[in-house]
Protein backbone atom coordinates (compact mmCIF):
# COMPACT_ATOMS: atom_id res chain seq x y z
CA MET A 1 3.14 -0.79 -24.09
CA LYS A 2 0.19 -3.04 -23.25
CA LYS A 3 2.53 -6.03 -23.09
CA ILE A 4 4.80 -4.25 -20.60
CA ILE A 5 1.84 -3.40 -18.38
CA ALA A 6 0.48 -6.96 -18.61
CA VAL A 7 3.86 -8.52 -17.80
CA SER A 8 4.41 -6.08 -14.92
CA THR A 9 0.99 -6.89 -13.50
CA LEU A 10 1.59 -10.63 -13.78
CA LEU A 11 4.97 -10.35 -12.11
CA ALA A 12 3.54 -8.27 -9.31
CA CYS A 13 0.59 -10.62 -8.87
CA SER A 14 2.89 -13.62 -8.63
CA GLY A 15 4.23 -12.16 -5.41
CA ILE A 16 0.77 -11.80 -3.90
CA ALA A 17 0.59 -15.47 -3.00
CA GLY A 18 3.71 -15.11 -0.90
CA ALA A 19 2.94 -11.69 0.58
CA ALA A 20 0.88 -12.87 3.50
CA ALA A 21 1.53 -16.58 3.96
CA PRO A 22 5.28 -16.94 4.63
CA GLY A 23 5.95 -15.75 8.15
CA GLY A 24 2.30 -15.23 8.95
CA PRO A 25 -0.44 -12.97 7.59
CA GLY A 26 1.12 -9.74 8.86
CA CYS A 27 4.73 -10.31 7.81
CA GLY A 28 6.67 -7.42 6.29
CA TRP A 29 6.55 -3.67 5.96
CA GLY A 30 4.20 -3.92 2.96
CA ASN A 31 1.59 -5.55 5.16
CA MET A 32 2.16 -2.87 7.80
CA LEU A 33 1.88 0.00 5.31
CA PHE A 34 -1.34 -1.31 3.76
CA GLN A 35 -2.87 -2.79 6.91
CA GLY A 36 -6.65 -2.91 6.87
CA GLN A 37 -6.92 -2.42 3.11
CA SER A 38 -8.20 -4.95 0.62
CA GLY A 39 -8.29 -5.29 -3.11
CA LEU A 40 -5.78 -5.99 -5.82
CA GLY A 41 -3.91 -2.67 -5.57
CA PRO A 42 -2.97 -2.82 -1.88
CA HIS A 43 -2.00 -6.50 -2.21
CA ILE A 44 0.26 -5.76 -5.18
CA PHE A 45 1.89 -2.82 -3.39
CA ALA A 46 2.34 -4.83 -0.17
CA ALA A 47 3.88 -7.75 -2.07
CA THR A 48 6.11 -5.39 -4.06
CA THR A 49 7.24 -3.59 -0.90
CA ASN A 50 8.02 -6.89 0.83
CA GLY A 51 9.75 -8.34 -2.23
CA THR A 52 11.86 -5.39 -3.30
CA SER A 53 13.12 -4.32 0.11
CA GLY A 54 13.85 -7.81 1.46
CA ASN A 55 12.24 -6.85 4.77
CA ALA A 56 10.10 -10.00 4.95
CA SER A 57 13.21 -12.17 4.58
CA PHE A 58 14.94 -10.11 7.26
CA GLY A 59 11.88 -10.37 9.49
CA LEU A 60 11.71 -14.13 9.06
CA THR A 61 15.39 -14.48 9.89
CA PHE A 62 15.34 -12.31 12.99
CA GLY A 63 11.70 -12.60 14.11
CA THR A 64 10.87 -8.93 13.42
CA ASN A 65 8.48 -7.04 11.11
CA GLY A 66 5.53 -9.15 12.26
CA CYS A 67 7.11 -12.31 10.86
CA ASP A 68 7.17 -15.73 12.45
CA ALA A 69 9.16 -18.51 10.76
CA GLY A 70 7.21 -21.00 12.87
CA ALA A 71 3.95 -20.10 11.13
CA ILE A 72 2.41 -22.92 9.12
CA LEU A 73 2.53 -22.34 5.38
CA THR A 74 -0.67 -22.93 3.46
CA TYR A 75 -1.68 -23.00 -0.18
CA ASP A 76 -5.23 -22.50 -1.40
CA GLY A 77 -4.56 -22.62 -5.13
CA GLN A 78 -4.96 -25.43 -7.60
CA ALA A 79 -2.69 -28.44 -7.73
CA MET A 80 0.49 -28.03 -9.72
CA VAL A 81 -0.23 -31.26 -11.61
CA ASP A 82 -3.47 -31.13 -13.57
CA LEU A 83 -4.67 -34.54 -14.72
CA SER A 84 -7.94 -33.36 -16.26
CA GLY A 85 -6.59 -33.54 -19.83
CA VAL A 86 -5.26 -37.09 -19.50
CA LEU A 87 -7.52 -38.64 -16.89
CA ASP A 88 -9.16 -41.23 -19.17
CA ASP A 89 -5.86 -42.31 -20.74
CA PHE A 90 -4.16 -42.31 -17.35
CA SER A 91 -6.83 -44.56 -15.81
CA GLU A 92 -6.53 -47.03 -18.71
CA ASP A 93 -2.73 -47.11 -18.46
CA VAL A 94 -2.83 -47.50 -14.66
CA ALA A 95 -5.19 -50.44 -15.10
CA ILE A 96 -2.72 -52.23 -17.37
CA GLY A 97 0.37 -51.04 -15.48
CA GLN A 98 2.15 -49.13 -18.23
CA GLY A 99 1.67 -46.70 -21.08
CA GLU A 100 2.30 -43.22 -22.40
CA ALA A 101 -0.10 -41.53 -19.99
CA VAL A 102 1.56 -43.15 -16.96
CA THR A 103 4.96 -42.05 -18.27
CA ALA A 104 3.64 -38.54 -18.95
CA VAL A 105 2.12 -38.18 -15.47
CA ALA A 106 5.35 -39.48 -13.93
CA GLY A 107 7.15 -36.77 -15.89
CA MET A 108 4.77 -34.14 -14.49
CA TYR A 109 6.11 -35.06 -11.06
CA GLY A 110 9.70 -34.87 -12.27
CA ILE A 111 10.12 -38.65 -12.38
CA LYS A 112 12.26 -39.19 -15.43
CA ASN A 113 14.69 -42.07 -14.94
CA ALA A 114 13.44 -45.42 -16.20
CA GLU A 115 13.80 -47.20 -12.85
CA ASP A 116 11.67 -44.67 -10.97
CA VAL A 117 9.09 -44.52 -13.78
CA ALA A 118 8.76 -48.31 -13.47
CA VAL A 119 8.30 -47.98 -9.70
CA PHE A 120 5.68 -45.26 -10.35
CA ALA A 121 3.83 -47.45 -12.86
CA ASN A 122 3.87 -50.39 -10.46
CA LEU A 123 2.70 -48.25 -7.52
CA THR A 124 -0.19 -46.77 -9.46
CA HIS A 125 -1.18 -50.14 -10.94
CA ASN A 126 -1.18 -51.84 -7.53
CA ASN A 127 -3.27 -49.00 -6.08
CA PHE A 128 -5.80 -48.54 -8.88
CA GLU A 129 -8.76 -48.67 -6.47
CA THR A 130 -7.14 -46.03 -4.26
CA LEU A 131 -6.55 -43.70 -7.20
CA PHE A 132 -9.92 -44.32 -8.83
CA PRO A 133 -12.34 -45.19 -6.00
CA SER A 134 -15.42 -44.66 -8.18
CA ALA A 135 -16.39 -44.22 -11.80
CA ASP A 136 -17.19 -40.55 -11.27
CA VAL A 137 -13.93 -39.60 -9.54
CA THR A 138 -12.64 -36.15 -10.51
CA ALA A 139 -9.17 -35.25 -11.75
CA GLU A 140 -8.59 -33.27 -8.55
CA GLN A 141 -9.45 -36.30 -6.41
CA VAL A 142 -7.14 -38.53 -8.45
CA SER A 143 -4.39 -35.92 -8.14
CA GLN A 144 -4.79 -35.82 -4.36
CA ASN A 145 -4.92 -39.62 -4.13
CA LEU A 146 -1.79 -39.87 -6.29
CA TYR A 147 0.01 -37.26 -4.20
CA ASP A 148 -0.84 -39.20 -1.03
CA LEU A 149 0.40 -42.44 -2.60
CA LEU A 150 3.66 -40.87 -3.73
CA LYS A 151 4.17 -39.25 -0.36
CA SER A 152 3.80 -42.61 1.40
CA ASP A 153 6.24 -44.43 -0.90
CA ALA A 154 9.84 -44.60 0.37
CA LYS A 155 11.43 -44.19 -3.05
CA LEU A 156 9.00 -41.79 -4.75
CA SER A 157 8.28 -39.50 -1.82
CA ALA A 158 11.31 -37.39 -2.78
CA TYR A 159 9.39 -36.23 -5.85
CA VAL A 160 6.58 -34.68 -3.81
CA ALA A 161 8.57 -33.39 -0.84
């Protein structure tokens, strides 16, 4: 029974991130019903209401229910790629231009074919100073620097789009 409750809570919480951001902070009937409230409970119920009834999708499509498809989407969570566990190995491999850590990080971005992995290895090697601007650089900074590099590369930008 505890597992069912835990899974249900996790599933409901996964919708919280999307409850307010897509379409604006007041998008959907769930936001209307629980307007002015805060806390985990109201957010879960608002997200569940929006998700199960499809009213936020309808509102985004037709510009109703407080939704605006022109609203800018934001994300305040952690990066999807976490380099903290491989940062030392990654920096060494980037310095030499190849290695298991470079291949693994490429895989984290969905870069799997040999040609694109080689382009990734070359890009990171040629931009070592950009990725690792100081000896005390954090994994989050390297991740952001890597994302910016990938985004600016004509071939690899498709992996971060």
